[in-house]
Amino acid sequence: MPDLIPDATTDATADPTPDATPDLSTAEPQPVHLGDAVRLRQPLRYLKTADPMPMLRPPDLVDPNEVGRVVEIRALDLRAVRFRRGTFLVKTSDLEPATPDG
């Protein structure tokens, strides 16, 4: 039968929860406004065009660290971002601020 009495060697005053360190992937995204220079936080599985009839495009149309410009604010936390090879709809959580020159 397991011993249900706490062992005297354990520290009863120790906090049972580990120190909470903020995770950058779950951190609140910074607000992205019209005209802001942005880049993708990580490569996306696909890109959705910002056309009136959107299409799914391969993710290699946007190079890593390529800087784009927010040209439109859409519903559901989406932004239309103009990159070198087209304008795509991207969630705000997938964007990070960038300097305009790269």
C-alpha atoms as a PDB file:
ATOM      1  CA  MET A   1       0.000   0.000   0.000  1.00  0.00           C
ATOM      2  CA  PRO A   2       1.463   3.419  -0.897  1.00  0.00           C
ATOM      3  CA  ASP A   3       2.437   5.712   1.907  1.00  0.00           C
ATOM      4  CA  LEU A   4      -0.124   8.550   2.071  1.00  0.00           C
ATOM      5  CA  ILE A   5       1.811  10.583   4.624  1.00  0.00           C
ATOM      6  CA  PRO A   6       3.991  13.289   3.035  1.00  0.00           C
ATOM      7  CA  ASP A   7       7.672  12.597   3.227  1.00  0.00           C
ATOM      8  CA  ALA A   8       9.530  14.925   5.578  1.00  0.00           C
ATOM      9  CA  THR A   9      12.236  15.440   2.948  1.00  0.00           C
ATOM     10  CA  THR A  10       9.851  17.235   0.584  1.00  0.00           C
ATOM     11  CA  ASP A  11       9.503  20.965   0.958  1.00  0.00           C
ATOM     12  CA  ALA A  12       5.889  21.727   1.845  1.00  0.00           C
ATOM     13  CA  THR A  13       6.356  25.417   1.099  1.00  0.00           C
ATOM     14  CA  ALA A  14       7.507  24.835  -2.482  1.00  0.00           C
ATOM     15  CA  ASP A  15       5.203  26.160  -5.170  1.00  0.00           C
ATOM     16  CA  PRO A  16       3.737  23.182  -7.059  1.00  0.00           C
ATOM     17  CA  THR A  17       3.442  25.147 -10.303  1.00  0.00           C
ATOM     18  CA  PRO A  18       6.580  25.826 -12.344  1.00  0.00           C
ATOM     19  CA  ASP A  19       7.606  29.372 -13.157  1.00  0.00           C
ATOM     20  CA  ALA A  20       5.448  30.654 -15.973  1.00  0.00           C
ATOM     21  CA  THR A  21       7.533  32.038 -18.798  1.00  0.00           C
ATOM     22  CA  PRO A  22       5.707  33.868 -21.576  1.00  0.00           C
ATOM     23  CA  ASP A  23       5.559  31.905 -24.811  1.00  0.00           C
ATOM     24  CA  LEU A  24       6.081  34.175 -27.823  1.00  0.00           C
ATOM     25  CA  SER A  25       3.888  32.024 -30.054  1.00  0.00           C
ATOM     26  CA  THR A  26       0.878  32.584 -27.785  1.00  0.00           C
ATOM     27  CA  ALA A  27       1.694  36.192 -26.957  1.00  0.00           C
ATOM     28  CA  GLU A  28      -0.827  38.838 -27.910  1.00  0.00           C
ATOM     29  CA  PRO A  29      -0.019  40.000 -31.456  1.00  0.00           C
ATOM     30  CA  GLN A  30       0.765  43.653 -31.931  1.00  0.00           C
ATOM     31  CA  PRO A  31      -1.908  45.669 -33.712  1.00  0.00           C
ATOM     32  CA  VAL A  32      -1.363  45.875 -37.467  1.00  0.00           C
ATOM     33  CA  HIS A  33      -2.646  49.044 -39.116  1.00  0.00           C
ATOM     34  CA  LEU A  34      -3.202  50.112 -42.695  1.00  0.00           C
ATOM     35  CA  GLY A  35       0.111  50.950 -44.391  1.00  0.00           C
ATOM     36  CA  ASP A  36       2.304  49.097 -41.872  1.00  0.00           C
ATOM     37  CA  ALA A  37       5.359  47.196 -43.088  1.00  0.00           C
ATOM     38  CA  VAL A  38       5.038  43.558 -41.982  1.00  0.00           C
ATOM     39  CA  ARG A  39       6.535  40.130 -42.553  1.00  0.00           C
ATOM     40  CA  LEU A  40       5.361  36.587 -41.853  1.00  0.00           C
ATOM     41  CA  ARG A  41       6.185  35.131 -38.423  1.00  0.00           C
ATOM     42  CA  GLN A  42       6.591  31.621 -39.881  1.00  0.00           C
ATOM     43  CA  PRO A  43       6.025  29.984 -43.264  1.00  0.00           C
ATOM     44  CA  LEU A  44       2.349  29.332 -43.962  1.00  0.00           C
ATOM     45  CA  ARG A  45       0.907  26.121 -45.416  1.00  0.00           C
ATOM     46  CA  TYR A  46      -0.733  28.071 -48.229  1.00  0.00           C
ATOM     47  CA  LEU A  47      -1.515  31.649 -49.244  1.00  0.00           C
ATOM     48  CA  LYS A  48      -5.002  32.945 -50.003  1.00  0.00           C
ATOM     49  CA  THR A  49      -5.216  35.681 -52.623  1.00  0.00           C
ATOM     50  CA  ALA A  50      -7.034  38.922 -51.773  1.00  0.00           C
ATOM     51  CA  ASP A  51      -8.983  38.866 -55.055  1.00  0.00           C
ATOM     52  CA  PRO A  52     -12.802  39.163 -55.183  1.00  0.00           C
ATOM     53  CA  MET A  53     -12.763  35.407 -55.895  1.00  0.00           C
ATOM     54  CA  PRO A  54      -9.889  34.204 -53.638  1.00  0.00           C
ATOM     55  CA  MET A  55      -7.689  31.283 -54.656  1.00  0.00           C
ATOM     56  CA  LEU A  56      -5.233  29.208 -52.662  1.00  0.00           C
ATOM     57  CA  ARG A  57      -1.658  29.609 -53.832  1.00  0.00           C
ATOM     58  CA  PRO A  58       1.584  27.844 -52.870  1.00  0.00           C
ATOM     59  CA  PRO A  59       3.496  29.355 -49.944  1.00  0.00           C
ATOM     60  CA  ASP A  60       6.735  29.810 -51.915  1.00  0.00           C
ATOM     61  CA  LEU A  61       5.345  32.977 -53.538  1.00  0.00           C
ATOM     62  CA  VAL A  62       6.449  34.892 -50.427  1.00  0.00           C
ATOM     63  CA  ASP A  63      10.133  34.564 -49.562  1.00  0.00           C
ATOM     64  CA  PRO A  64      11.206  34.195 -45.927  1.00  0.00           C
ATOM     65  CA  ASN A  65      11.764  37.614 -44.348  1.00  0.00           C
ATOM     66  CA  GLU A  66      10.126  39.360 -47.329  1.00  0.00           C
ATOM     67  CA  VAL A  67       8.565  42.646 -46.230  1.00  0.00           C
ATOM     68  CA  GLY A  68       5.035  43.457 -47.349  1.00  0.00           C
ATOM     69  CA  ARG A  69       2.681  46.389 -46.864  1.00  0.00           C
ATOM     70  CA  VAL A  70      -0.830  46.177 -45.341  1.00  0.00           C
ATOM     71  CA  VAL A  71      -3.196  47.508 -48.013  1.00  0.00           C
ATOM     72  CA  GLU A  72      -6.567  46.488 -46.584  1.00  0.00           C
ATOM     73  CA  ILE A  73      -8.153  45.502 -43.279  1.00  0.00           C
ATOM     74  CA  ARG A  74     -10.682  42.676 -43.545  1.00  0.00           C
ATOM     75  CA  ALA A  75     -13.077  41.041 -41.106  1.00  0.00           C
ATOM     76  CA  LEU A  76     -12.133  38.135 -38.828  1.00  0.00           C
ATOM     77  CA  ASP A  77      -8.705  39.566 -37.981  1.00  0.00           C
ATOM     78  CA  LEU A  78      -7.428  39.289 -41.574  1.00  0.00           C
ATOM     79  CA  ARG A  79      -5.163  41.736 -43.382  1.00  0.00           C
ATOM     80  CA  ALA A  80      -4.557  42.032 -47.111  1.00  0.00           C
ATOM     81  CA  VAL A  81      -0.785  42.307 -47.468  1.00  0.00           C
ATOM     82  CA  ARG A  82       0.921  43.316 -50.717  1.00  0.00           C
ATOM     83  CA  PHE A  83       4.092  41.306 -51.279  1.00  0.00           C
ATOM     84  CA  ARG A  84       6.355  41.308 -54.327  1.00  0.00           C
ATOM     85  CA  ARG A  85       4.411  38.527 -56.092  1.00  0.00           C
ATOM     86  CA  GLY A  86       0.851  39.419 -55.108  1.00  0.00           C
ATOM     87  CA  THR A  87      -1.601  40.490 -52.433  1.00  0.00           C
ATOM     88  CA  PHE A  88      -2.589  37.814 -49.940  1.00  0.00           C
ATOM     89  CA  LEU A  89      -4.935  37.497 -46.953  1.00  0.00           C
ATOM     90  CA  VAL A  90      -3.023  36.798 -43.743  1.00  0.00           C
ATOM     91  CA  LYS A  91      -4.201  36.494 -40.138  1.00  0.00           C
ATOM     92  CA  THR A  92      -2.894  39.200 -37.832  1.00  0.00           C
ATOM     93  CA  SER A  93      -1.414  36.523 -35.553  1.00  0.00           C
ATOM     94  CA  ASP A  94       0.805  35.367 -38.461  1.00  0.00           C
ATOM     95  CA  LEU A  95       2.278  38.856 -39.001  1.00  0.00           C
ATOM     96  CA  GLU A  96       5.032  40.747 -37.224  1.00  0.00           C
ATOM     97  CA  PRO A  97       6.158  44.360 -37.658  1.00  0.00           C
ATOM     98  CA  ALA A  98       9.120  44.984 -39.948  1.00  0.00           C
ATOM     99  CA  THR A  99      11.199  47.926 -41.034  1.00  0.00           C
ATOM    100  CA  PRO A 100      10.199  49.170 -44.504  1.00  0.00           C
ATOM    101  CA  ASP A 101      13.690  48.595 -45.945  1.00  0.00           C
ATOM    102  CA  GLY A 102      13.786  44.965 -44.817  1.00  0.00           C
END
